[in-house]
PDB file of N, CA and C in Angstrom:
ATOM      1  N   MET A   1     105.485  56.959-193.989  1.00  0.00           N
ATOM      2  CA  MET A   1     105.214  57.844-192.892  1.00  0.00           C
ATOM      3  C   MET A   1     105.244  59.277-193.367  1.00  0.00           C
ATOM      4  N   ASN A   2     104.317  60.086-192.871  1.00  0.00           N
ATOM      5  CA  ASN A   2     104.234  61.479-193.232  1.00  0.00           C
ATOM      6  C   ASN A   2     104.882  62.322-192.136  1.00  0.00           C
ATOM      7  N   LEU A   3     106.089  62.764-192.376  1.00  0.00           N
ATOM      8  CA  LEU A   3     106.856  63.492-191.357  1.00  0.00           C
ATOM      9  C   LEU A   3     106.212  64.824-191.018  1.00  0.00           C
ATOM     10  N   ILE A   4     105.544  65.442-191.969  1.00  0.00           N
ATOM     11  CA  ILE A   4     104.939  66.737-191.737  1.00  0.00           C
ATOM     12  C   ILE A   4     103.805  66.640-190.699  1.00  0.00           C
ATOM     13  N   SER A   5     103.147  65.513-190.609  1.00  0.00           N
ATOM     14  CA  SER A   5     102.035  65.379-189.661  1.00  0.00           C
ATOM     15  C   SER A   5     102.469  65.050-188.260  1.00  0.00           C
ATOM     16  N   LEU A   6     103.766  64.820-188.030  1.00  0.00           N
ATOM     17  CA  LEU A   6     104.254  64.465-186.709  1.00  0.00           C
ATOM     18  C   LEU A   6     104.423  65.701-185.832  1.00  0.00           C
ATOM     19  N   SER A   7     104.369  65.469-184.518  1.00  0.00           N
ATOM     20  CA  SER A   7     104.665  66.558-183.578  1.00  0.00           C
ATOM     21  C   SER A   7     106.175  66.743-183.493  1.00  0.00           C
ATOM     22  N   LYS A   8     106.591  67.800-182.843  1.00  0.00           N
ATOM     23  CA  LYS A   8     108.016  68.066-182.715  1.00  0.00           C
ATOM     24  C   LYS A   8     108.716  66.944-181.954  1.00  0.00           C
ATOM     25  N   TYR A   9     108.066  66.404-180.945  1.00  0.00           N
ATOM     26  CA  TYR A   9     108.649  65.313-180.172  1.00  0.00           C
ATOM     27  C   TYR A   9     108.758  64.021-180.997  1.00  0.00           C
ATOM     28  N   GLU A  10     107.739  63.759-181.808  1.00  0.00           N
ATOM     29  CA  GLU A  10     107.776  62.584-182.674  1.00  0.00           C
ATOM     30  C   GLU A  10     108.847  62.734-183.739  1.00  0.00           C
ATOM     31  N   LEU A  11     108.979  63.972-184.287  1.00  0.00           N
ATOM     32  CA  LEU A  11     110.026  64.234-185.270  1.00  0.00           C
ATOM     33  C   LEU A  11     111.408  64.010-184.680  1.00  0.00           C
ATOM     34  N   ARG A  12     111.611  64.466-183.426  1.00  0.00           N
ATOM     35  CA  ARG A  12     112.867  64.292-182.739  1.00  0.00           C
ATOM     36  C   ARG A  12     113.177  62.804-182.576  1.00  0.00           C
ATOM     37  N   ASP A  13     112.160  62.014-182.202  1.00  0.00           N
ATOM     38  CA  ASP A  13     112.354  60.580-182.046  1.00  0.00           C
ATOM     39  C   ASP A  13     112.747  59.946-183.397  1.00  0.00           C
ATOM     40  N   GLN A  14     112.073  60.364-184.456  1.00  0.00           N
ATOM     41  CA  GLN A  14     112.382  59.835-185.801  1.00  0.00           C
ATOM     42  C   GLN A  14     113.790  60.201-186.208  1.00  0.00           C
ATOM     43  N   LEU A  15     114.186  61.424-185.939  1.00  0.00           N
ATOM     44  CA  LEU A  15     115.525  61.899-186.308  1.00  0.00           C
ATOM     45  C   LEU A  15     116.596  61.148-185.533  1.00  0.00           C
ATOM     46  N   ILE A  16     116.390  60.943-184.240  1.00  0.00           N
ATOM     47  CA  ILE A  16     117.339  60.188-183.419  1.00  0.00           C
ATOM     48  C   ILE A  16     117.421  58.739-183.873  1.00  0.00           C
ATOM     49  N   SER A  17     116.256  58.164-184.187  1.00  0.00           N
ATOM     50  CA  SER A  17     116.239  56.788-184.683  1.00  0.00           C
ATOM     51  C   SER A  17     117.007  56.685-186.013  1.00  0.00           C
ATOM     52  N   LEU A  18     116.813  57.656-186.873  1.00  0.00           N
ATOM     53  CA  LEU A  18     117.565  57.667-188.164  1.00  0.00           C
ATOM     54  C   LEU A  18     119.021  57.776-187.923  1.00  0.00           C
ATOM     55  N   MET A  19     119.455  58.652-187.006  1.00  0.00           N
ATOM     56  CA  MET A  19     120.856  58.791-186.693  1.00  0.00           C
ATOM     57  C   MET A  19     121.440  57.512-186.134  1.00  0.00           C
ATOM     58  N   ASP A  20     120.682  56.832-185.266  1.00  0.00           N
ATOM     59  CA  ASP A  20     121.140  55.549-184.745  1.00  0.00           C
ATOM     60  C   ASP A  20     121.328  54.515-185.847  1.00  0.00           C
ATOM     61  N   THR A  21     120.398  54.443-186.771  1.00  0.00           N
ATOM     62  CA  THR A  21     120.479  53.523-187.876  1.00  0.00           C
ATOM     63  C   THR A  21     121.714  53.813-188.741  1.00  0.00           C
ATOM     64  N   VAL A  22     121.928  55.080-189.051  1.00  0.00           N
ATOM     65  CA  VAL A  22     123.048  55.461-189.908  1.00  0.00           C
ATOM     66  C   VAL A  22     124.384  55.193-189.197  1.00  0.00           C
ATOM     67  N   VAL A  23     124.459  55.536-187.896  1.00  0.00           N
ATOM     68  CA  VAL A  23     125.689  55.275-187.158  1.00  0.00           C
ATOM     69  C   VAL A  23     126.003  53.783-187.133  1.00  0.00           C
ATOM     70  N   HIS A  24     124.977  52.982-186.902  1.00  0.00           N
ATOM     71  CA  HIS A  24     125.182  51.522-186.880  1.00  0.00           C
ATOM     72  C   HIS A  24     125.678  51.011-188.206  1.00  0.00           C
ATOM     73  N   HIS A  25     125.089  51.527-189.294  1.00  0.00           N
ATOM     74  CA  HIS A  25     125.486  51.070-190.625  1.00  0.00           C
ATOM     75  C   HIS A  25     126.922  51.483-190.926  1.00  0.00           C
ATOM     76  N   LEU A  26     127.247  52.749-190.586  1.00  0.00           N
ATOM     77  CA  LEU A  26     128.604  53.237-190.893  1.00  0.00           C
ATOM     78  C   LEU A  26     129.669  52.599-190.005  1.00  0.00           C
ATOM     79  N   GLU A  27     129.277  52.072-188.849  1.00  0.00           N
ATOM     80  CA  GLU A  27     130.227  51.331-188.019  1.00  0.00           C
ATOM     81  C   GLU A  27     130.624  50.019-188.684  1.00  0.00           C
ATOM     82  N   THR A  28     129.641  49.406-189.346  1.00  0.00           N
ATOM     83  CA  THR A  28     129.906  48.113-190.004  1.00  0.00           C
ATOM     84  C   THR A  28     130.531  48.293-191.378  1.00  0.00           C
ATOM     85  N   ASP A  29     130.149  49.360-192.075  1.00  0.00           N
ATOM     86  CA  ASP A  29     130.693  49.660-193.405  1.00  0.00           C
ATOM     87  C   ASP A  29     130.923  51.164-193.502  1.00  0.00           C
ATOM     88  N   PRO A  30     132.119  51.639-193.246  1.00  0.00           N
ATOM     89  CA  PRO A  30     132.381  53.095-193.165  1.00  0.00           C
ATOM     90  C   PRO A  30     132.442  53.852-194.476  1.00  0.00           C
ATOM     91  N   ASP A  31     132.127  53.227-195.581  1.00  0.00           N
ATOM     92  CA  ASP A  31     132.170  53.888-196.883  1.00  0.00           C
ATOM     93  C   ASP A  31     130.923  54.775-197.017  1.00  0.00           C
ATOM     94  N   VAL A  32     131.062  56.059-196.725  1.00  0.00           N
ATOM     95  CA  VAL A  32     129.974  57.006-196.743  1.00  0.00           C
ATOM     96  C   VAL A  32     129.409  57.194-198.163  1.00  0.00           C
ATOM     97  N   ASP A  33     130.282  57.287-199.136  1.00  0.00           N
ATOM     98  CA  ASP A  33     129.829  57.466-200.522  1.00  0.00           C
ATOM     99  C   ASP A  33     128.951  56.313-200.970  1.00  0.00           C
ATOM    100  N   LYS A  34     129.378  55.106-200.692  1.00  0.00           N
ATOM    101  CA  LYS A  34     128.590  53.932-201.052  1.00  0.00           C
ATOM    102  C   LYS A  34     127.261  53.943-200.332  1.00  0.00           C
ATOM    103  N   PHE A  35     127.299  54.291-199.040  1.00  0.00           N
ATOM    104  CA  PHE A  35     126.079  54.356-198.253  1.00  0.00           C
ATOM    105  C   PHE A  35     125.086  55.362-198.854  1.00  0.00           C
ATOM    106  N   LEU A  36     125.563  56.553-199.183  1.00  0.00           N
ATOM    107  CA  LEU A  36     124.699  57.587-199.735  1.00  0.00           C
ATOM    108  C   LEU A  36     124.129  57.169-201.095  1.00  0.00           C
ATOM    109  N   ASP A  37     124.931  56.471-201.899  1.00  0.00           N
ATOM    110  CA  ASP A  37     124.479  56.024-203.219  1.00  0.00           C
ATOM    111  C   ASP A  37     123.409  54.946-203.113  1.00  0.00           C
ATOM    112  N   GLU A  38     123.502  54.100-202.095  1.00  0.00           N
ATOM    113  CA  GLU A  38     122.645  52.936-202.029  1.00  0.00           C
ATOM    114  C   GLU A  38     121.435  53.074-201.079  1.00  0.00           C
ATOM    115  N   THR A  39     121.443  54.064-200.215  1.00  0.00           N
ATOM    116  CA  THR A  39     120.389  54.149-199.216  1.00  0.00           C
ATOM    117  C   THR A  39     119.163  54.905-199.711  1.00  0.00           C
ATOM    118  N   ASP A  40     118.052  54.571-199.165  1.00  0.00           N
ATOM    119  CA  ASP A  40     116.830  55.337-199.387  1.00  0.00           C
ATOM    120  C   ASP A  40     116.275  55.908-198.064  1.00  0.00           C
ATOM    121  N   LEU A  41     117.113  55.862-197.028  1.00  0.00           N
ATOM    122  CA  LEU A  41     116.710  56.346-195.709  1.00  0.00           C
ATOM    123  C   LEU A  41     116.376  57.838-195.675  1.00  0.00           C
ATOM    124  N   PHE A  42     116.962  58.587-196.580  1.00  0.00           N
ATOM    125  CA  PHE A  42     116.812  60.036-196.565  1.00  0.00           C
ATOM    126  C   PHE A  42     115.685  60.524-197.501  1.00  0.00           C
ATOM    127  N   ASP A  43     115.096  59.632-198.279  1.00  0.00           N
ATOM    128  CA  ASP A  43     114.120  60.030-199.289  1.00  0.00           C
ATOM    129  C   ASP A  43     112.912  60.782-198.679  1.00  0.00           C
ATOM    130  N   GLU A  44     112.345  60.231-197.629  1.00  0.00           N
ATOM    131  CA  GLU A  44     111.192  60.863-196.999  1.00  0.00           C
ATOM    132  C   GLU A  44     111.535  62.236-196.419  1.00  0.00           C
ATOM    133  N   TRP A  45     112.731  62.322-195.864  1.00  0.00           N
ATOM    134  CA  TRP A  45     113.174  63.603-195.277  1.00  0.00           C
ATOM    135  C   TRP A  45     113.448  64.639-196.367  1.00  0.00           C
ATOM    136  N   GLU A  46     113.970  64.193-197.502  1.00  0.00           N
ATOM    137  CA  GLU A  46     114.279  65.111-198.604  1.00  0.00           C
ATOM    138  C   GLU A  46     112.988  65.739-199.132  1.00  0.00           C
ATOM    139  N   LYS A  47     111.892  65.009-199.099  1.00  0.00           N
ATOM    140  CA  LYS A  47     110.617  65.525-199.581  1.00  0.00           C
ATOM    141  C   LYS A  47     110.081  66.656-198.735  1.00  0.00           C
ATOM    142  N   VAL A  48     110.379  66.652-197.420  1.00  0.00           N
ATOM    143  CA  VAL A  48     109.777  67.619-196.509  1.00  0.00           C
ATOM    144  C   VAL A  48     110.704  68.739-196.089  1.00  0.00           C
ATOM    145  N   LEU A  49     112.000  68.564-196.306  1.00  0.00           N
ATOM    146  CA  LEU A  49     112.972  69.601-195.891  1.00  0.00           C
ATOM    147  C   LEU A  49     113.194  70.602-196.994  1.00  0.00           C
ATOM    148  N   PRO A  50     113.209  71.876-196.654  1.00  0.00           N
ATOM    149  CA  PRO A  50     113.556  72.889-197.663  1.00  0.00           C
ATOM    150  C   PRO A  50     114.996  72.683-198.151  1.00  0.00           C
ATOM    151  N   ASP A  51     115.284  73.141-199.334  1.00  0.00           N
ATOM    152  CA  ASP A  51     116.613  72.959-199.936  1.00  0.00           C
ATOM    153  C   ASP A  51     117.738  73.501-199.041  1.00  0.00           C
ATOM    154  N   ALA A  52     117.485  74.584-198.360  1.00  0.00           N
ATOM    155  CA  ALA A  52     118.520  75.192-197.522  1.00  0.00           C
ATOM    156  C   ALA A  52     118.892  74.352-196.306  1.00  0.00           C
ATOM    157  N   GLU A  53     117.939  73.606-195.742  1.00  0.00           N
ATOM    158  CA  GLU A  53     118.196  72.802-194.571  1.00  0.00           C
ATOM    159  C   GLU A  53     118.618  71.366-194.872  1.00  0.00           C
ATOM    160  N   TYR A  54     118.364  70.907-196.080  1.00  0.00           N
ATOM    161  CA  TYR A  54     118.664  69.502-196.394  1.00  0.00           C
ATOM    162  C   TYR A  54     120.150  69.170-196.231  1.00  0.00           C
ATOM    163  N   PRO A  55     121.080  69.987-196.720  1.00  0.00           N
ATOM    164  CA  PRO A  55     122.509  69.651-196.503  1.00  0.00           C
ATOM    165  C   PRO A  55     122.886  69.644-194.999  1.00  0.00           C
ATOM    166  N   ILE A  56     122.284  70.538-194.231  1.00  0.00           N
ATOM    167  CA  ILE A  56     122.515  70.559-192.791  1.00  0.00           C
ATOM    168  C   ILE A  56     122.066  69.249-192.185  1.00  0.00           C
ATOM    169  N   PHE A  57     120.892  68.805-192.620  1.00  0.00           N
ATOM    170  CA  PHE A  57     120.320  67.539-192.149  1.00  0.00           C
ATOM    171  C   PHE A  57     121.254  66.357-192.471  1.00  0.00           C
ATOM    172  N   ILE A  58     121.715  66.277-193.710  1.00  0.00           N
ATOM    173  CA  ILE A  58     122.581  65.191-194.141  1.00  0.00           C
ATOM    174  C   ILE A  58     123.870  65.180-193.300  1.00  0.00           C
ATOM    175  N   MET A  59     124.483  66.327-193.143  1.00  0.00           N
ATOM    176  CA  MET A  59     125.745  66.398-192.389  1.00  0.00           C
ATOM    177  C   MET A  59     125.509  66.054-190.916  1.00  0.00           C
ATOM    178  N   ALA A  60     124.395  66.495-190.357  1.00  0.00           N
ATOM    179  CA  ALA A  60     124.098  66.188-188.957  1.00  0.00           C
ATOM    180  C   ALA A  60     123.899  64.681-188.769  1.00  0.00           C
ATOM    181  N   VAL A  61     123.166  64.075-189.668  1.00  0.00           N
ATOM    182  CA  VAL A  61     122.916  62.610-189.558  1.00  0.00           C
ATOM    183  C   VAL A  61     124.196  61.823-189.764  1.00  0.00           C
ATOM    184  N   LEU A  62     124.980  62.161-190.811  1.00  0.00           N
ATOM    185  CA  LEU A  62     126.206  61.405-191.058  1.00  0.00           C
ATOM    186  C   LEU A  62     127.222  61.558-189.925  1.00  0.00           C
ATOM    187  N   ASN A  63     127.257  62.718-189.312  1.00  0.00           N
ATOM    188  CA  ASN A  63     128.198  62.975-188.244  1.00  0.00           C
ATOM    189  C   ASN A  63     127.620  62.700-186.852  1.00  0.00           C
ATOM    190  N   ASN A  64     126.365  62.233-186.833  1.00  0.00           N
ATOM    191  CA  ASN A  64     125.675  61.925-185.585  1.00  0.00           C
ATOM    192  C   ASN A  64     125.696  63.149-184.640  1.00  0.00           C
ATOM    193  N   THR A  65     125.410  64.304-185.199  1.00  0.00           N
ATOM    194  CA  THR A  65     125.415  65.561-184.441  1.00  0.00           C
ATOM    195  C   THR A  65     124.021  65.744-183.838  1.00  0.00           C
ATOM    196  N   ARG A  66     123.982  65.728-182.517  1.00  0.00           N
ATOM    197  CA  ARG A  66     122.682  65.803-181.821  1.00  0.00           C
ATOM    198  C   ARG A  66     122.536  67.059-181.005  1.00  0.00           C
ATOM    199  N   ARG A  67     123.190  68.123-181.408  1.00  0.00           N
ATOM    200  CA  ARG A  67     123.039  69.401-180.710  1.00  0.00           C
ATOM    201  C   ARG A  67     121.605  69.878-180.876  1.00  0.00           C
ATOM    202  N   ASP A  68     121.084  70.407-179.781  1.00  0.00           N
ATOM    203  CA  ASP A  68     119.712  70.878-179.793  1.00  0.00           C
ATOM    204  C   ASP A  68     119.466  71.928-180.869  1.00  0.00           C
ATOM    205  N   SER A  69     120.416  72.826-181.032  1.00  0.00           N
ATOM    206  CA  SER A  69     120.232  73.921-182.018  1.00  0.00           C
ATOM    207  C   SER A  69     120.107  73.371-183.432  1.00  0.00           C
ATOM    208  N   ILE A  70     120.893  72.389-183.768  1.00  0.00           N
ATOM    209  CA  ILE A  70     120.838  71.795-185.126  1.00  0.00           C
ATOM    210  C   ILE A  70     119.565  70.988-185.288  1.00  0.00           C
ATOM    211  N   MET A  71     119.256  70.179-184.328  1.00  0.00           N
ATOM    212  CA  MET A  71     118.040  69.349-184.411  1.00  0.00           C
ATOM    213  C   MET A  71     116.800  70.235-184.446  1.00  0.00           C
ATOM    214  N   ASP A  72     116.784  71.310-183.660  1.00  0.00           N
ATOM    215  CA  ASP A  72     115.654  72.207-183.676  1.00  0.00           C
ATOM    216  C   ASP A  72     115.500  72.885-185.042  1.00  0.00           C
ATOM    217  N   THR A  73     116.617  73.270-185.656  1.00  0.00           N
ATOM    218  CA  THR A  73     116.567  73.885-186.976  1.00  0.00           C
ATOM    219  C   THR A  73     115.920  72.948-187.994  1.00  0.00           C
ATOM    220  N   ILE A  74     116.315  71.682-187.939  1.00  0.00           N
ATOM    221  CA  ILE A  74     115.768  70.676-188.863  1.00  0.00           C
ATOM    222  C   ILE A  74     114.269  70.472-188.597  1.00  0.00           C
ATOM    223  N   MET A  75     113.920  70.297-187.357  1.00  0.00           N
ATOM    224  CA  MET A  75     112.519  70.034-187.005  1.00  0.00           C
ATOM    225  C   MET A  75     111.635  71.243-187.310  1.00  0.00           C
ATOM    226  N   ASP A  76     112.125  72.441-186.985  1.00  0.00           N
ATOM    227  CA  ASP A  76     111.362  73.660-187.223  1.00  0.00           C
ATOM    228  C   ASP A  76     111.124  73.868-188.710  1.00  0.00           C
ATOM    229  N   ALA A  77     112.110  73.536-189.537  1.00  0.00           N
ATOM    230  CA  ALA A  77     111.954  73.686-190.995  1.00  0.00           C
ATOM    231  C   ALA A  77     110.851  72.754-191.506  1.00  0.00           C
ATOM    232  N   ILE A  78     110.786  71.558-190.970  1.00  0.00           N
ATOM    233  CA  ILE A  78     109.746  70.619-191.380  1.00  0.00           C
ATOM    234  C   ILE A  78     108.391  71.089-190.912  1.00  0.00           C
ATOM    235  N   LEU A  79     108.306  71.485-189.646  1.00  0.00           N
ATOM    236  CA  LEU A  79     107.043  71.942-189.085  1.00  0.00           C
ATOM    237  C   LEU A  79     106.538  73.201-189.776  1.00  0.00           C
ATOM    238  N   GLU A  80     107.460  74.103-190.073  1.00  0.00           N
ATOM    239  CA  GLU A  80     107.081  75.346-190.783  1.00  0.00           C
ATOM    240  C   GLU A  80     106.560  75.031-192.180  1.00  0.00           C
ATOM    241  N   LYS A  81     107.219  74.103-192.837  1.00  0.00           N
ATOM    242  CA  LYS A  81     106.751  73.715-194.185  1.00  0.00           C
ATOM    243  C   LYS A  81     105.338  73.114-194.100  1.00  0.00           C
ATOM    244  N   GLY A  82     105.107  72.323-193.041  1.00  0.00           N
ATOM    245  CA  GLY A  82     103.815  71.722-192.861  1.00  0.00           C
ATOM    246  C   GLY A  82     102.739  72.753-192.592  1.00  0.00           C
ATOM    247  N   GLU A  83     103.064  73.779-191.800  1.00  0.00           N
ATOM    248  CA  GLU A  83     102.103  74.868-191.533  1.00  0.00           C
ATOM    249  C   GLU A  83     101.800  75.645-192.801  1.00  0.00           C
ATOM    250  N   ASN A  84     102.838  75.916-193.617  1.00  0.00           N
ATOM    251  CA  ASN A  84     102.615  76.638-194.857  1.00  0.00           C
ATOM    252  C   ASN A  84     101.784  75.849-195.839  1.00  0.00           C
ATOM    253  N   ALA A  85     101.916  74.540-195.826  1.00  0.00           N
ATOM    254  CA  ALA A  85     101.131  73.692-196.741  1.00  0.00           C
ATOM    255  C   ALA A  85      99.677  73.668-196.337  1.00  0.00           C
ATOM    256  N   GLU A  86      99.411  73.816-195.029  1.00  0.00           N
ATOM    257  CA  GLU A  86      98.037  73.763-194.531  1.00  0.00           C
ATOM    258  C   GLU A  86      97.352  75.111-194.625  1.00  0.00           C
ATOM    259  N   SER A  87      98.088  76.204-194.593  1.00  0.00           N
ATOM    260  CA  SER A  87      97.484  77.538-194.611  1.00  0.00           C
ATOM    261  C   SER A  87      96.973  77.867-196.013  1.00  0.00           C
ATOM    262  N   PRO A  88      95.874  78.615-196.077  1.00  0.00           N
ATOM    263  CA  PRO A  88      95.352  78.971-197.397  1.00  0.00           C
ATOM    264  C   PRO A  88      96.274  79.931-198.109  1.00  0.00           C
ATOM    265  N   GLU A  89      96.101  79.998-199.417  1.00  0.00           N
ATOM    266  CA  GLU A  89      96.908  80.926-200.233  1.00  0.00           C
ATOM    267  C   GLU A  89      96.679  82.345-199.750  1.00  0.00           C
ATOM    268  N   LYS A  90      97.737  83.154-199.752  1.00  0.00           N
ATOM    269  CA  LYS A  90      97.585  84.561-199.382  1.00  0.00           C
ATOM    270  C   LYS A  90      96.853  85.302-200.484  1.00  0.00           C
ATOM    271  N   ASN A  91      96.065  86.255-200.072  1.00  0.00           N
ATOM    272  CA  ASN A  91      95.334  87.092-201.014  1.00  0.00           C
ATOM    273  C   ASN A  91      96.337  87.938-201.793  1.00  0.00           C
ATOM    274  N   VAL A  92      96.102  88.094-203.081  1.00  0.00           N
ATOM    275  CA  VAL A  92      97.015  88.857-203.917  1.00  0.00           C
ATOM    276  C   VAL A  92      97.136  90.283-203.420  1.00  0.00           C
ATOM    277  N   SER A  93      96.066  90.863-202.873  1.00  0.00           N
ATOM    278  CA  SER A  93      96.112  92.215-202.390  1.00  0.00           C
ATOM    279  C   SER A  93      97.021  92.367-201.166  1.00  0.00           C
ATOM    280  N   GLU A  94      97.316  91.261-200.452  1.00  0.00           N
ATOM    281  CA  GLU A  94      98.186  91.306-199.289  1.00  0.00           C
ATOM    282  C   GLU A  94      99.651  91.307-199.697  1.00  0.00           C
ATOM    283  N   ALA A  95      99.943  91.026-200.941  1.00  0.00           N
ATOM    284  CA  ALA A  95     101.329  90.955-201.392  1.00  0.00           C
ATOM    285  C   ALA A  95     101.950  92.333-201.337  1.00  0.00           C
ATOM    286  N   LYS A  96     103.236  92.395-200.986  1.00  0.00           N
ATOM    287  CA  LYS A  96     103.942  93.678-200.952  1.00  0.00           C
ATOM    288  C   LYS A  96     104.135  94.200-202.353  1.00  0.00           C
ATOM    289  N   PRO A  97     103.968  95.497-202.545  1.00  0.00           N
ATOM    290  CA  PRO A  97     104.175  96.051-203.873  1.00  0.00           C
ATOM    291  C   PRO A  97     105.650  95.977-204.271  1.00  0.00           C
ATOM    292  N   ALA A  98     105.913  95.866-205.543  1.00  0.00           N
ATOM    293  CA  ALA A  98     107.292  95.788-206.022  1.00  0.00           C
ATOM    294  C   ALA A  98     107.982  97.100-205.723  1.00  0.00           C
ATOM    295  N   ARG A  99     109.268  96.986-205.384  1.00  0.00           N
ATOM    296  CA  ARG A  99     110.055  98.187-205.049  1.00  0.00           C
ATOM    297  C   ARG A  99     111.155  98.352-206.099  1.00  0.00           C
ATOM    298  N   SER A 100     111.283  99.580-206.568  1.00  0.00           N
ATOM    299  CA  SER A 100     112.317  99.851-207.545  1.00  0.00           C
ATOM    300  C   SER A 100     113.609 100.209-206.810  1.00  0.00           C
ATOM    301  N   HIS A 101     114.708  99.615-207.236  1.00  0.00           N
ATOM    302  CA  HIS A 101     116.000  99.877-206.623  1.00  0.00           C
ATOM    303  C   HIS A 101     116.867 100.739-207.524  1.00  0.00           C
ATOM    304  N   VAL A 102     116.275 101.280-208.594  1.00  0.00           N
ATOM    305  CA  VAL A 102     117.023 102.096-209.540  1.00  0.00           C
ATOM    306  C   VAL A 102     117.504 103.376-208.839  1.00  0.00           C
ATOM    307  N   GLY A 103     118.781 103.675-208.972  1.00  0.00           N
ATOM    308  CA  GLY A 103     119.353 104.889-208.418  1.00  0.00           C
ATOM    309  C   GLY A 103     119.727 104.794-206.938  1.00  0.00           C
ATOM    310  N   GLU A 104     119.479 103.667-206.310  1.00  0.00           N
ATOM    311  CA  GLU A 104     119.811 103.508-204.897  1.00  0.00           C
ATOM    312  C   GLU A 104     121.261 103.058-204.746  1.00  0.00           C
ATOM    313  N   HIS A 105     121.860 103.472-203.659  1.00  0.00           N
ATOM    314  CA  HIS A 105     123.210 103.033-203.333  1.00  0.00           C
ATOM    315  C   HIS A 105     123.107 101.552-202.920  1.00  0.00           C
ATOM    316  N   PRO A 106     124.033 100.691-203.372  1.00  0.00           N
ATOM    317  CA  PRO A 106     123.915  99.261-203.084  1.00  0.00           C
ATOM    318  C   PRO A 106     124.025  98.888-201.606  1.00  0.00           C
ATOM    319  N   PHE A 107     124.553  99.776-200.759  1.00  0.00           N
ATOM    320  CA  PHE A 107     124.730  99.421-199.348  1.00  0.00           C
ATOM    321  C   PHE A 107     123.728 100.119-198.450  1.00  0.00           C
ATOM    322  N   ASN A 108     122.659 100.687-198.999  1.00  0.00           N
ATOM    323  CA  ASN A 108     121.626 101.333-198.186  1.00  0.00           C
ATOM    324  C   ASN A 108     120.705 100.307-197.631  1.00  0.00           C
TER     325      ASN A 108
END
């Protein structure tokens, strides 16, 4: 399944389904380390989540955290990555010029 191509509502359903699967597994076998070592449930998500959001995702799924703010952060990161992958490369002339920080106070 390609998570990037899903809508926000479909992503939410997939995330809730994943959480349900993980909760069910951890109820029968509560060894989280063993579960993380042996599972491939997170592989597809790892491919589409930025490095900064992936640990948030793992903790949310393992703890069955379904707060809207956390779930929205995860889904928005995936959707944003999908939008960036579809958008054409920015023109080099649009890039911001390099700024020299020599002689500046570090707290300015």
